[in-house]
Amino acid sequence: GGADQVTQSYNRQSQIVRATDQNGTVHEYRYDLLGRATDDVVAALGAEIDGTVRRLGRSYDVRGLPHQLTSYADTAGATVVNQVRNQYNGFRQLTTQYQAHDGS
C-alpha cells in the first residue's frame, strides 16, 4: 500500500547510508575507511516507537573482529545505555565476552 514502504539511500560503495521504514523511523548508517559498519543512528523516530536506544556503535580489533558494541540513549553517542566487549584467541574464536547492562 501507499504507507507500507521502505526507502533506502546508498553511497558509491553500494552501502545503505539512510533508510526509512514503514513506521517512519529514519536510520542513518556510518562506515569506517575499510567499509565496516560503525554506527546505526536513529535520526527520527516513527509514531509510537520506543526511543530508549537511539544509536548503536561498533568498533573492531586489529583483525577486523567485532571488539566493542555500545548502545547509546542519544544520537551523538554521549550517553551509554549498555555495552558488550569481546575477546578472541589466536584462532579468531570468541573466548570471553563482557557485558555491562547499565552503562559502559
PDB file of N, CA and C in Angstrom:
ATOM      1  N   GLY A   1       0.816  -1.190   0.000  1.00  0.00           N
ATOM      2  CA  GLY A   1       0.000   0.000   0.000  1.00  0.00           C
ATOM      3  C   GLY A   1       0.853   1.244   0.000  1.00  0.00           C
ATOM      4  N   GLY A   2       0.219   2.388   0.033  1.00  0.00           N
ATOM      5  CA  GLY A   2       0.904   3.667  -0.020  1.00  0.00           C
ATOM      6  C   GLY A   2       1.832   3.922   1.144  1.00  0.00           C
ATOM      7  N   ALA A   3       1.417   3.575   2.374  1.00  0.00           N
ATOM      8  CA  ALA A   3       2.246   3.841   3.548  1.00  0.00           C
ATOM      9  C   ALA A   3       3.166   2.674   3.889  1.00  0.00           C
ATOM     10  N   ASP A   4       2.957   1.529   3.260  1.00  0.00           N
ATOM     11  CA  ASP A   4       3.748   0.333   3.580  1.00  0.00           C
ATOM     12  C   ASP A   4       4.968   0.275   2.667  1.00  0.00           C
ATOM     13  N   GLN A   5       5.906   1.220   2.909  1.00  0.00           N
ATOM     14  CA  GLN A   5       7.087   1.309   2.056  1.00  0.00           C
ATOM     15  C   GLN A   5       8.348   1.455   2.887  1.00  0.00           C
ATOM     16  N   VAL A   6       9.432   0.933   2.358  1.00  0.00           N
ATOM     17  CA  VAL A   6      10.759   1.121   2.930  1.00  0.00           C
ATOM     18  C   VAL A   6      11.601   1.792   1.852  1.00  0.00           C
ATOM     19  N   THR A   7      12.265   2.890   2.218  1.00  0.00           N
ATOM     20  CA  THR A   7      13.135   3.563   1.252  1.00  0.00           C
ATOM     21  C   THR A   7      14.570   3.497   1.761  1.00  0.00           C
ATOM     22  N   GLN A   8      15.521   3.404   0.836  1.00  0.00           N
ATOM     23  CA  GLN A   8      16.937   3.314   1.188  1.00  0.00           C
ATOM     24  C   GLN A   8      17.752   4.183   0.250  1.00  0.00           C
ATOM     25  N   SER A   9      18.797   4.786   0.807  1.00  0.00           N
ATOM     26  CA  SER A   9      19.764   5.551   0.021  1.00  0.00           C
ATOM     27  C   SER A   9      21.118   4.876   0.168  1.00  0.00           C
ATOM     28  N   TYR A  10      21.918   4.921  -0.900  1.00  0.00           N
ATOM     29  CA  TYR A  10      23.192   4.211  -0.943  1.00  0.00           C
ATOM     30  C   TYR A  10      24.341   5.167  -1.225  1.00  0.00           C
ATOM     31  N   ASN A  11      25.552   4.783  -0.798  1.00  0.00           N
ATOM     32  CA  ASN A  11      26.743   5.535  -1.154  1.00  0.00           C
ATOM     33  C   ASN A  11      27.371   4.908  -2.401  1.00  0.00           C
ATOM     34  N   ARG A  12      28.538   5.385  -2.799  1.00  0.00           N
ATOM     35  CA  ARG A  12      29.188   4.881  -4.017  1.00  0.00           C
ATOM     36  C   ARG A  12      29.691   3.446  -3.886  1.00  0.00           C
ATOM     37  N   GLN A  13      29.818   2.961  -2.656  1.00  0.00           N
ATOM     38  CA  GLN A  13      30.247   1.578  -2.440  1.00  0.00           C
ATOM     39  C   GLN A  13      29.045   0.629  -2.325  1.00  0.00           C
ATOM     40  N   SER A  14      27.862   1.123  -2.649  1.00  0.00           N
ATOM     41  CA  SER A  14      26.607   0.359  -2.589  1.00  0.00           C
ATOM     42  C   SER A  14      26.215  -0.031  -1.168  1.00  0.00           C
ATOM     43  N   GLN A  15      26.649   0.736  -0.190  1.00  0.00           N
ATOM     44  CA  GLN A  15      26.266   0.518   1.201  1.00  0.00           C
ATOM     45  C   GLN A  15      25.064   1.410   1.530  1.00  0.00           C
ATOM     46  N   ILE A  16      24.156   0.883   2.307  1.00  0.00           N
ATOM     47  CA  ILE A  16      22.997   1.683   2.719  1.00  0.00           C
ATOM     48  C   ILE A  16      23.476   2.754   3.693  1.00  0.00           C
ATOM     49  N   VAL A  17      23.169   4.012   3.421  1.00  0.00           N
ATOM     50  CA  VAL A  17      23.556   5.110   4.304  1.00  0.00           C
ATOM     51  C   VAL A  17      22.349   5.724   5.011  1.00  0.00           C
ATOM     52  N   ARG A  18      21.153   5.482   4.479  1.00  0.00           N
ATOM     53  CA  ARG A  18      19.937   6.026   5.093  1.00  0.00           C
ATOM     54  C   ARG A  18      18.768   5.130   4.717  1.00  0.00           C
ATOM     55  N   ALA A  19      17.919   4.850   5.699  1.00  0.00           N
ATOM     56  CA  ALA A  19      16.737   4.023   5.447  1.00  0.00           C
ATOM     57  C   ALA A  19      15.571   4.552   6.263  1.00  0.00           C
ATOM     58  N   THR A  20      14.404   4.527   5.653  1.00  0.00           N
ATOM     59  CA  THR A  20      13.164   4.899   6.334  1.00  0.00           C
ATOM     60  C   THR A  20      12.229   3.708   6.249  1.00  0.00           C
ATOM     61  N   ASP A  21      11.724   3.268   7.422  1.00  0.00           N
ATOM     62  CA  ASP A  21      10.854   2.089   7.427  1.00  0.00           C
ATOM     63  C   ASP A  21       9.377   2.481   7.386  1.00  0.00           C
ATOM     64  N   GLN A  22       8.502   1.480   7.470  1.00  0.00           N
ATOM     65  CA  GLN A  22       7.065   1.688   7.359  1.00  0.00           C
ATOM     66  C   GLN A  22       6.513   2.576   8.471  1.00  0.00           C
ATOM     67  N   ASN A  23       7.171   2.598   9.635  1.00  0.00           N
ATOM     68  CA  ASN A  23       6.712   3.411  10.765  1.00  0.00           C
ATOM     69  C   ASN A  23       7.155   4.857  10.660  1.00  0.00           C
ATOM     70  N   GLY A  24       8.038   5.159   9.719  1.00  0.00           N
ATOM     71  CA  GLY A  24       8.583   6.500   9.591  1.00  0.00           C
ATOM     72  C   GLY A  24       9.879   6.697  10.353  1.00  0.00           C
ATOM     73  N   THR A  25      10.424   5.625  10.928  1.00  0.00           N
ATOM     74  CA  THR A  25      11.707   5.711  11.627  1.00  0.00           C
ATOM     75  C   THR A  25      12.828   5.818  10.599  1.00  0.00           C
ATOM     76  N   VAL A  26      13.713   6.780  10.803  1.00  0.00           N
ATOM     77  CA  VAL A  26      14.806   7.033   9.867  1.00  0.00           C
ATOM     78  C   VAL A  26      16.121   6.598  10.513  1.00  0.00           C
ATOM     79  N   HIS A  27      16.839   5.693   9.854  1.00  0.00           N
ATOM     80  CA  HIS A  27      18.154   5.221  10.292  1.00  0.00           C
ATOM     81  C   HIS A  27      19.218   5.814   9.378  1.00  0.00           C
ATOM     82  N   GLU A  28      20.311   6.246   9.979  1.00  0.00           N
ATOM     83  CA  GLU A  28      21.478   6.674   9.222  1.00  0.00           C
ATOM     84  C   GLU A  28      22.629   5.735   9.588  1.00  0.00           C
ATOM     85  N   TYR A  29      23.285   5.183   8.583  1.00  0.00           N
ATOM     86  CA  TYR A  29      24.343   4.201   8.794  1.00  0.00           C
ATOM     87  C   TYR A  29      25.686   4.820   8.451  1.00  0.00           C
ATOM     88  N   ARG A  30      26.676   4.545   9.294  1.00  0.00           N
ATOM     89  CA  ARG A  30      28.024   5.083   9.086  1.00  0.00           C
ATOM     90  C   ARG A  30      29.019   3.936   9.007  1.00  0.00           C
ATOM     91  N   TYR A  31      30.104   4.170   8.261  1.00  0.00           N
ATOM     92  CA  TYR A  31      31.116   3.144   7.999  1.00  0.00           C
ATOM     93  C   TYR A  31      32.501   3.724   8.221  1.00  0.00           C
ATOM     94  N   ASP A  32      33.461   2.865   8.557  1.00  0.00           N
ATOM     95  CA  ASP A  32      34.843   3.322   8.680  1.00  0.00           C
ATOM     96  C   ASP A  32      35.517   3.280   7.302  1.00  0.00           C
ATOM     97  N   LEU A  33      36.795   3.619   7.256  1.00  0.00           N
ATOM     98  CA  LEU A  33      37.511   3.693   5.977  1.00  0.00           C
ATOM     99  C   LEU A  33      37.680   2.334   5.309  1.00  0.00           C
ATOM    100  N   LEU A  34      37.514   1.248   6.071  1.00  0.00           N
ATOM    101  CA  LEU A  34      37.597  -0.093   5.497  1.00  0.00           C
ATOM    102  C   LEU A  34      36.228  -0.619   5.069  1.00  0.00           C
ATOM    103  N   GLY A  35      35.196   0.208   5.203  1.00  0.00           N
ATOM    104  CA  GLY A  35      33.855  -0.183   4.771  1.00  0.00           C
ATOM    105  C   GLY A  35      33.062  -0.973   5.803  1.00  0.00           C
ATOM    106  N   ARG A  36      33.568  -1.032   7.038  1.00  0.00           N
ATOM    107  CA  ARG A  36      32.863  -1.778   8.083  1.00  0.00           C
ATOM    108  C   ARG A  36      31.833  -0.875   8.758  1.00  0.00           C
ATOM    109  N   ALA A  37      30.672  -1.434   9.061  1.00  0.00           N
ATOM    110  CA  ALA A  37      29.616  -0.677   9.728  1.00  0.00           C
ATOM    111  C   ALA A  37      30.083  -0.258  11.116  1.00  0.00           C
ATOM    112  N   THR A  38      29.978   1.035  11.437  1.00  0.00           N
ATOM    113  CA  THR A  38      30.378   1.528  12.750  1.00  0.00           C
ATOM    114  C   THR A  38      29.212   2.080  13.557  1.00  0.00           C
ATOM    115  N   ASP A  39      28.222   2.665  12.898  1.00  0.00           N
ATOM    116  CA  ASP A  39      27.113   3.278  13.630  1.00  0.00           C
ATOM    117  C   ASP A  39      25.790   3.106  12.901  1.00  0.00           C
ATOM    118  N   ASP A  40      24.757   2.874  13.699  1.00  0.00           N
ATOM    119  CA  ASP A  40      23.366   2.898  13.244  1.00  0.00           C
ATOM    120  C   ASP A  40      22.690   3.939  14.106  1.00  0.00           C
ATOM    121  N   VAL A  41      22.408   5.097  13.526  1.00  0.00           N
ATOM    122  CA  VAL A  41      21.834   6.219  14.260  1.00  0.00           C
ATOM    123  C   VAL A  41      20.375   6.377  13.861  1.00  0.00           C
ATOM    124  N   VAL A  42      19.496   6.437  14.856  1.00  0.00           N
ATOM    125  CA  VAL A  42      18.083   6.679  14.594  1.00  0.00           C
ATOM    126  C   VAL A  42      17.889   8.189  14.570  1.00  0.00           C
ATOM    127  N   ALA A  43      17.834   8.740  13.374  1.00  0.00           N
ATOM    128  CA  ALA A  43      17.744  10.184  13.201  1.00  0.00           C
ATOM    129  C   ALA A  43      16.355  10.710  13.523  1.00  0.00           C
ATOM    130  N   ALA A  44      15.333   9.905  13.272  1.00  0.00           N
ATOM    131  CA  ALA A  44      13.949  10.301  13.560  1.00  0.00           C
ATOM    132  C   ALA A  44      13.156   9.058  13.935  1.00  0.00           C
ATOM    133  N   LEU A  45      12.362   9.185  14.999  1.00  0.00           N
ATOM    134  CA  LEU A  45      11.523   8.072  15.441  1.00  0.00           C
ATOM    135  C   LEU A  45      10.148   8.149  14.820  1.00  0.00           C
ATOM    136  N   GLY A  46       9.632   6.997  14.416  1.00  0.00           N
ATOM    137  CA  GLY A  46       8.275   6.925  13.928  1.00  0.00           C
ATOM    138  C   GLY A  46       7.294   6.995  15.092  1.00  0.00           C
ATOM    139  N   ALA A  47       6.030   7.053  14.769  1.00  0.00           N
ATOM    140  CA  ALA A  47       4.979   7.136  15.784  1.00  0.00           C
ATOM    141  C   ALA A  47       4.985   5.886  16.658  1.00  0.00           C
ATOM    142  N   GLU A  48       4.893   6.108  17.966  1.00  0.00           N
ATOM    143  CA  GLU A  48       4.783   5.041  18.963  1.00  0.00           C
ATOM    144  C   GLU A  48       5.985   4.087  18.994  1.00  0.00           C
ATOM    145  N   ILE A  49       7.176   4.561  18.621  1.00  0.00           N
ATOM    146  CA  ILE A  49       8.391   3.760  18.667  1.00  0.00           C
ATOM    147  C   ILE A  49       9.187   4.157  19.905  1.00  0.00           C
ATOM    148  N   ASP A  50       9.647   3.166  20.673  1.00  0.00           N
ATOM    149  CA  ASP A  50      10.428   3.400  21.884  1.00  0.00           C
ATOM    150  C   ASP A  50      11.785   4.000  21.512  1.00  0.00           C
ATOM    151  N   GLY A  51      12.140   5.096  22.130  1.00  0.00           N
ATOM    152  CA  GLY A  51      13.389   5.779  21.826  1.00  0.00           C
ATOM    153  C   GLY A  51      14.467   5.600  22.875  1.00  0.00           C
ATOM    154  N   THR A  52      14.417   4.511  23.650  1.00  0.00           N
ATOM    155  CA  THR A  52      15.412   4.274  24.696  1.00  0.00           C
ATOM    156  C   THR A  52      16.817   4.200  24.115  1.00  0.00           C
ATOM    157  N   VAL A  53      16.975   3.518  23.000  1.00  0.00           N
ATOM    158  CA  VAL A  53      18.272   3.414  22.311  1.00  0.00           C
ATOM    159  C   VAL A  53      18.145   4.153  20.987  1.00  0.00           C
ATOM    160  N   ARG A  54      18.997   5.161  20.801  1.00  0.00           N
ATOM    161  CA  ARG A  54      18.941   5.959  19.577  1.00  0.00           C
ATOM    162  C   ARG A  54      20.158   5.759  18.681  1.00  0.00           C
ATOM    163  N   ARG A  55      21.164   5.032  19.192  1.00  0.00           N
ATOM    164  CA  ARG A  55      22.374   4.807  18.386  1.00  0.00           C
ATOM    165  C   ARG A  55      23.038   3.508  18.837  1.00  0.00           C
ATOM    166  N   LEU A  56      23.517   2.744  17.846  1.00  0.00           N
ATOM    167  CA  LEU A  56      24.309   1.544  18.098  1.00  0.00           C
ATOM    168  C   LEU A  56      25.676   1.772  17.488  1.00  0.00           C
ATOM    169  N   GLY A  57      26.722   1.569  18.283  1.00  0.00           N
ATOM    170  CA  GLY A  57      28.083   1.768  17.794  1.00  0.00           C
ATOM    171  C   GLY A  57      28.873   0.475  17.838  1.00  0.00           C
ATOM    172  N   ARG A  58      29.764   0.297  16.871  1.00  0.00           N
ATOM    173  CA  ARG A  58      30.622  -0.887  16.799  1.00  0.00           C
ATOM    174  C   ARG A  58      32.060  -0.451  16.571  1.00  0.00           C
ATOM    175  N   SER A  59      32.978  -1.161  17.237  1.00  0.00           N
ATOM    176  CA  SER A  59      34.401  -0.982  16.932  1.00  0.00           C
ATOM    177  C   SER A  59      34.993  -2.360  16.711  1.00  0.00           C
ATOM    178  N   TYR A  60      36.135  -2.392  16.055  1.00  0.00           N
ATOM    179  CA  TYR A  60      36.744  -3.655  15.631  1.00  0.00           C
ATOM    180  C   TYR A  60      38.170  -3.746  16.148  1.00  0.00           C
ATOM    181  N   ASP A  61      38.650  -4.983  16.357  1.00  0.00           N
ATOM    182  CA  ASP A  61      40.048  -5.165  16.740  1.00  0.00           C
ATOM    183  C   ASP A  61      40.916  -5.135  15.487  1.00  0.00           C
ATOM    184  N   VAL A  62      42.212  -5.327  15.652  1.00  0.00           N
ATOM    185  CA  VAL A  62      43.147  -5.210  14.521  1.00  0.00           C
ATOM    186  C   VAL A  62      42.918  -6.281  13.455  1.00  0.00           C
ATOM    187  N   ARG A  63      42.235  -7.374  13.805  1.00  0.00           N
ATOM    188  CA  ARG A  63      41.939  -8.438  12.840  1.00  0.00           C
ATOM    189  C   ARG A  63      40.588  -8.250  12.164  1.00  0.00           C
ATOM    190  N   GLY A  64      39.883  -7.176  12.516  1.00  0.00           N
ATOM    191  CA  GLY A  64      38.590  -6.899  11.909  1.00  0.00           C
ATOM    192  C   GLY A  64      37.421  -7.577  12.589  1.00  0.00           C
ATOM    193  N   LEU A  65      37.650  -8.150  13.770  1.00  0.00           N
ATOM    194  CA  LEU A  65      36.578  -8.810  14.516  1.00  0.00           C
ATOM    195  C   LEU A  65      35.858  -7.791  15.394  1.00  0.00           C
ATOM    196  N   PRO A  66      34.551  -7.949  15.594  1.00  0.00           N
ATOM    197  CA  PRO A  66      33.816  -7.001  16.455  1.00  0.00           C
ATOM    198  C   PRO A  66      34.389  -7.000  17.868  1.00  0.00           C
ATOM    199  N   HIS A  67      34.878  -5.857  18.307  1.00  0.00           N
ATOM    200  CA  HIS A  67      35.509  -5.751  19.619  1.00  0.00           C
ATOM    201  C   HIS A  67      34.538  -5.198  20.658  1.00  0.00           C
ATOM    202  N   GLN A  68      33.884  -4.095  20.325  1.00  0.00           N
ATOM    203  CA  GLN A  68      33.007  -3.453  21.302  1.00  0.00           C
ATOM    204  C   GLN A  68      31.721  -3.003  20.615  1.00  0.00           C
ATOM    205  N   LEU A  69      30.600  -3.302  21.261  1.00  0.00           N
ATOM    206  CA  LEU A  69      29.296  -2.907  20.757  1.00  0.00           C
ATOM    207  C   LEU A  69      28.610  -2.098  21.855  1.00  0.00           C
ATOM    208  N   THR A  70      28.179  -0.896  21.512  1.00  0.00           N
ATOM    209  CA  THR A  70      27.639   0.020  22.511  1.00  0.00           C
ATOM    210  C   THR A  70      26.294   0.559  22.057  1.00  0.00           C
ATOM    211  N   SER A  71      25.339   0.590  22.993  1.00  0.00           N
ATOM    212  CA  SER A  71      24.034   1.210  22.760  1.00  0.00           C
ATOM    213  C   SER A  71      24.033   2.567  23.456  1.00  0.00           C
ATOM    214  N   TYR A  72      23.551   3.585  22.758  1.00  0.00           N
ATOM    215  CA  TYR A  72      23.517   4.945  23.296  1.00  0.00           C
ATOM    216  C   TYR A  72      22.079   5.449  23.367  1.00  0.00           C
ATOM    217  N   ALA A  73      21.818   6.314  24.342  1.00  0.00           N
ATOM    218  CA  ALA A  73      20.487   6.885  24.528  1.00  0.00           C
ATOM    219  C   ALA A  73      20.261   8.107  23.641  1.00  0.00           C
ATOM    220  N   ASP A  74      21.317   8.609  23.024  1.00  0.00           N
ATOM    221  CA  ASP A  74      21.214   9.808  22.201  1.00  0.00           C
ATOM    222  C   ASP A  74      21.920   9.581  20.866  1.00  0.00           C
ATOM    223  N   THR A  75      21.619  10.429  19.905  1.00  0.00           N
ATOM    224  CA  THR A  75      22.196  10.266  18.570  1.00  0.00           C
ATOM    225  C   THR A  75      23.670  10.671  18.516  1.00  0.00           C
ATOM    226  N   ALA A  76      24.122  11.498  19.456  1.00  0.00           N
ATOM    227  CA  ALA A  76      25.518  11.943  19.463  1.00  0.00           C
ATOM    228  C   ALA A  76      26.463  10.890  20.040  1.00  0.00           C
ATOM    229  N   GLY A  77      25.934   9.899  20.745  1.00  0.00           N
ATOM    230  CA  GLY A  77      26.778   8.875  21.337  1.00  0.00           C
ATOM    231  C   GLY A  77      27.416   9.312  22.637  1.00  0.00           C
ATOM    232  N   ALA A  78      26.743  10.166  23.404  1.00  0.00           N
ATOM    233  CA  ALA A  78      27.303  10.663  24.658  1.00  0.00           C
ATOM    234  C   ALA A  78      26.831   9.867  25.875  1.00  0.00           C
ATOM    235  N   THR A  79      25.630   9.302  25.829  1.00  0.00           N
ATOM    236  CA  THR A  79      25.061   8.607  26.983  1.00  0.00           C
ATOM    237  C   THR A  79      24.954   7.120  26.687  1.00  0.00           C
ATOM    238  N   VAL A  80      25.780   6.313  27.367  1.00  0.00           N
ATOM    239  CA  VAL A  80      25.819   4.870  27.145  1.00  0.00           C
ATOM    240  C   VAL A  80      24.674   4.199  27.900  1.00  0.00           C
ATOM    241  N   VAL A  81      23.915   3.367  27.185  1.00  0.00           N
ATOM    242  CA  VAL A  81      22.854   2.578  27.807  1.00  0.00           C
ATOM    243  C   VAL A  81      23.428   1.244  28.277  1.00  0.00           C
ATOM    244  N   ASN A  82      24.128   0.549  27.398  1.00  0.00           N
ATOM    245  CA  ASN A  82      24.795  -0.710  27.749  1.00  0.00           C
ATOM    246  C   ASN A  82      25.913  -0.985  26.757  1.00  0.00           C
ATOM    247  N   GLN A  83      26.729  -2.003  27.093  1.00  0.00           N
ATOM    248  CA  GLN A  83      27.908  -2.245  26.264  1.00  0.00           C
ATOM    249  C   GLN A  83      28.335  -3.709  26.353  1.00  0.00           C
ATOM    250  N   VAL A  84      28.871  -4.212  25.250  1.00  0.00           N
ATOM    251  CA  VAL A  84      29.413  -5.565  25.173  1.00  0.00           C
ATOM    252  C   VAL A  84      30.827  -5.471  24.613  1.00  0.00           C
ATOM    253  N   ARG A  85      31.765  -6.214  25.224  1.00  0.00           N
ATOM    254  CA  ARG A  85      33.145  -6.241  24.741  1.00  0.00           C
ATOM    255  C   ARG A  85      33.554  -7.702  24.529  1.00  0.00           C
ATOM    256  N   ASN A  86      34.146  -7.983  23.379  1.00  0.00           N
ATOM    257  CA  ASN A  86      34.559  -9.338  23.022  1.00  0.00           C
ATOM    258  C   ASN A  86      36.074  -9.480  23.028  1.00  0.00           C
ATOM    259  N   GLN A  87      36.542 -10.678  23.424  1.00  0.00           N
ATOM    260  CA  GLN A  87      37.959 -11.032  23.305  1.00  0.00           C
ATOM    261  C   GLN A  87      38.052 -12.360  22.571  1.00  0.00           C
ATOM    262  N   TYR A  88      39.087 -12.477  21.733  1.00  0.00           N
ATOM    263  CA  TYR A  88      39.258 -13.653  20.878  1.00  0.00           C
ATOM    264  C   TYR A  88      40.624 -14.281  21.104  1.00  0.00           C
ATOM    265  N   ASN A  89      40.739 -15.560  20.761  1.00  0.00           N
ATOM    266  CA  ASN A  89      42.041 -16.225  20.815  1.00  0.00           C
ATOM    267  C   ASN A  89      42.719 -16.121  19.447  1.00  0.00           C
ATOM    268  N   GLY A  90      43.860 -16.751  19.288  1.00  0.00           N
ATOM    269  CA  GLY A  90      44.617 -16.689  18.042  1.00  0.00           C
ATOM    270  C   GLY A  90      43.934 -17.336  16.856  1.00  0.00           C
ATOM    271  N   PHE A  91      42.904 -18.128  17.112  1.00  0.00           N
ATOM    272  CA  PHE A  91      42.144 -18.777  16.038  1.00  0.00           C
ATOM    273  C   PHE A  91      40.877 -17.993  15.673  1.00  0.00           C
ATOM    274  N   ARG A  92      40.772 -16.758  16.157  1.00  0.00           N
ATOM    275  CA  ARG A  92      39.629 -15.882  15.902  1.00  0.00           C
ATOM    276  C   ARG A  92      38.345 -16.390  16.549  1.00  0.00           C
ATOM    277  N   GLN A  93      38.492 -17.213  17.588  1.00  0.00           N
ATOM    278  CA  GLN A  93      37.338 -17.729  18.306  1.00  0.00           C
ATOM    279  C   GLN A  93      37.047 -16.843  19.514  1.00  0.00           C
ATOM    280  N   LEU A  94      35.776 -16.551  19.735  1.00  0.00           N
ATOM    281  CA  LEU A  94      35.378 -15.761  20.889  1.00  0.00           C
ATOM    282  C   LEU A  94      35.679 -16.554  22.161  1.00  0.00           C
ATOM    283  N   THR A  95      36.479 -15.972  23.044  1.00  0.00           N
ATOM    284  CA  THR A  95      36.847 -16.667  24.285  1.00  0.00           C
ATOM    285  C   THR A  95      36.218 -16.026  25.516  1.00  0.00           C
ATOM    286  N   THR A  96      36.035 -14.721  25.491  1.00  0.00           N
ATOM    287  CA  THR A  96      35.468 -14.016  26.638  1.00  0.00           C
ATOM    288  C   THR A  96      34.569 -12.901  26.128  1.00  0.00           C
ATOM    289  N   GLN A  97      33.444 -12.732  26.817  1.00  0.00           N
ATOM    290  CA  GLN A  97      32.544 -11.633  26.485  1.00  0.00           C
ATOM    291  C   GLN A  97      32.127 -10.953  27.776  1.00  0.00           C
ATOM    292  N   TYR A  98      32.358  -9.644  27.831  1.00  0.00           N
ATOM    293  CA  TYR A  98      31.971  -8.850  28.979  1.00  0.00           C
ATOM    294  C   TYR A  98      30.726  -8.059  28.614  1.00  0.00           C
ATOM    295  N   GLN A  99      29.779  -7.994  29.543  1.00  0.00           N
ATOM    296  CA  GLN A  99      28.545  -7.255  29.294  1.00  0.00           C
ATOM    297  C   GLN A  99      28.284  -6.303  30.445  1.00  0.00           C
ATOM    298  N   ALA A 100      28.009  -5.047  30.117  1.00  0.00           N
ATOM    299  CA  ALA A 100      27.589  -4.064  31.097  1.00  0.00           C
ATOM    300  C   ALA A 100      26.133  -3.735  30.772  1.00  0.00           C
ATOM    301  N   HIS A 101      25.248  -4.104  31.662  1.00  0.00           N
ATOM    302  CA  HIS A 101      23.821  -3.938  31.395  1.00  0.00           C
ATOM    303  C   HIS A 101      23.314  -2.533  31.686  1.00  0.00           C
ATOM    304  N   ASP A 102      24.139  -1.745  32.363  1.00  0.00           N
ATOM    305  CA  ASP A 102      23.737  -0.381  32.691  1.00  0.00           C
ATOM    306  C   ASP A 102      24.971   0.514  32.597  1.00  0.00           C
ATOM    307  N   GLY A 103      25.172   1.141  31.457  1.00  0.00           N
ATOM    308  CA  GLY A 103      26.337   1.991  31.244  1.00  0.00           C
ATOM    309  C   GLY A 103      27.470   1.231  30.579  1.00  0.00           C
ATOM    310  N   SER A 104      28.669   1.845  30.614  1.00  0.00           N
ATOM    311  CA  SER A 104      29.809   1.225  29.940  1.00  0.00           C
ATOM    312  C   SER A 104      30.585   0.325  30.882  1.00  0.00           C
TER     313      SER A 104
END
